[in-house]
Amino acid sequence: MSIGGVLLGLVNIAIVVVLLLIVGLIAVWIMGMLGVQPPPGELRKLYLALVALIALYMIIALIFGLPSVSVIPFR
């Protein structure tokens, strides 16, 4: 794998992590607008841990050259 491919993969992983964090932020914001109590700190930490595990999975898939999600099956 070329250096350009690795860098592109790392940028893609960063984009996924930022998008997941934005989804969590929007969920907390909407809950605040509706007057619902925001999730407790432990649940927020679990969400961040889930995002970190997804990023770790994607990094390992990038290192070993495995597809992280197969949209079109290999024939």
Protein backbone atom coordinates (compact mmCIF):
# COMPACT_ATOMS: atom_id res chain seq x y z
CA MET A 1 0.00 0.00 0.00
CA SER A 2 1.33 3.42 -0.89
CA ILE A 3 1.84 6.32 1.49
CA GLY A 4 -0.95 8.19 -0.28
CA GLY A 5 -3.35 5.31 0.35
CA VAL A 6 -2.46 5.21 4.04
CA LEU A 7 -2.89 8.97 4.40
CA LEU A 8 -6.22 8.85 2.59
CA GLY A 9 -7.33 6.03 4.87
CA LEU A 10 -6.35 8.00 7.97
CA VAL A 11 -8.24 11.05 6.71
CA ASN A 12 -11.29 8.85 6.10
CA ILE A 13 -11.05 7.46 9.63
CA ALA A 14 -10.84 10.99 11.04
CA ILE A 15 -13.92 11.99 9.03
CA VAL A 16 -15.89 9.03 10.40
CA VAL A 17 -14.87 9.83 13.98
CA VAL A 18 -15.83 13.50 13.61
CA LEU A 19 -19.18 12.59 12.05
CA LEU A 20 -19.95 10.17 14.90
CA LEU A 21 -19.06 12.84 17.46
CA ILE A 22 -21.28 15.36 15.67
CA VAL A 23 -24.18 12.88 15.73
CA GLY A 24 -23.76 12.51 19.49
CA LEU A 25 -23.54 16.27 19.94
CA ILE A 26 -26.71 16.82 17.90
CA ALA A 27 -28.53 14.18 19.96
CA VAL A 28 -27.58 15.94 23.21
CA TRP A 29 -28.51 19.33 21.72
CA ILE A 30 -31.95 18.11 20.62
CA MET A 31 -32.55 16.56 24.03
CA GLY A 32 -31.68 19.90 25.61
CA MET A 33 -34.08 21.75 23.31
CA LEU A 34 -36.90 19.34 24.16
CA GLY A 35 -36.29 19.85 27.85
CA VAL A 36 -35.23 16.24 28.34
CA GLN A 37 -32.43 15.58 30.78
CA PRO A 38 -29.18 15.00 28.83
CA PRO A 39 -27.62 11.56 29.17
CA PRO A 40 -25.45 11.01 32.23
CA GLY A 41 -21.69 11.26 32.05
CA GLU A 42 -21.22 7.49 32.14
CA LEU A 43 -23.33 7.06 29.02
CA ARG A 44 -21.36 9.80 27.25
CA LYS A 45 -18.12 8.03 28.16
CA LEU A 46 -19.51 4.77 26.77
CA TYR A 47 -20.41 6.55 23.53
CA LEU A 48 -16.89 7.96 23.26
CA ALA A 49 -15.48 4.49 23.95
CA LEU A 50 -17.67 3.10 21.15
CA VAL A 51 -16.41 5.77 18.76
CA ALA A 52 -12.82 4.94 19.78
CA LEU A 53 -13.42 1.23 19.17
CA ILE A 54 -14.84 1.93 15.73
CA ALA A 55 -11.77 4.04 14.93
CA LEU A 56 -9.46 1.29 16.21
CA TYR A 57 -11.27 -1.28 14.07
CA MET A 58 -10.87 0.93 11.01
CA ILE A 59 -7.17 1.53 11.72
CA ILE A 60 -6.51 -2.21 12.09
CA ALA A 61 -8.43 -2.86 8.85
CA LEU A 62 -6.30 -0.19 7.15
CA ILE A 63 -3.03 -1.67 8.44
CA PHE A 64 -3.87 -5.21 7.32
CA GLY A 65 -5.52 -4.13 4.06
CA LEU A 66 -8.90 -5.57 4.94
CA PRO A 67 -12.17 -3.93 3.94
CA SER A 68 -13.88 -2.48 7.01
CA VAL A 69 -17.34 -2.74 5.43
CA SER A 70 -18.03 -4.73 2.30
CA VAL A 71 -20.83 -3.04 0.37
CA ILE A 72 -20.42 -5.08 -2.81
CA PRO A 73 -19.52 -8.73 -2.15
CA PHE A 74 -16.30 -10.05 -3.65
CA ARG A 75 -16.80 -12.37 -6.63
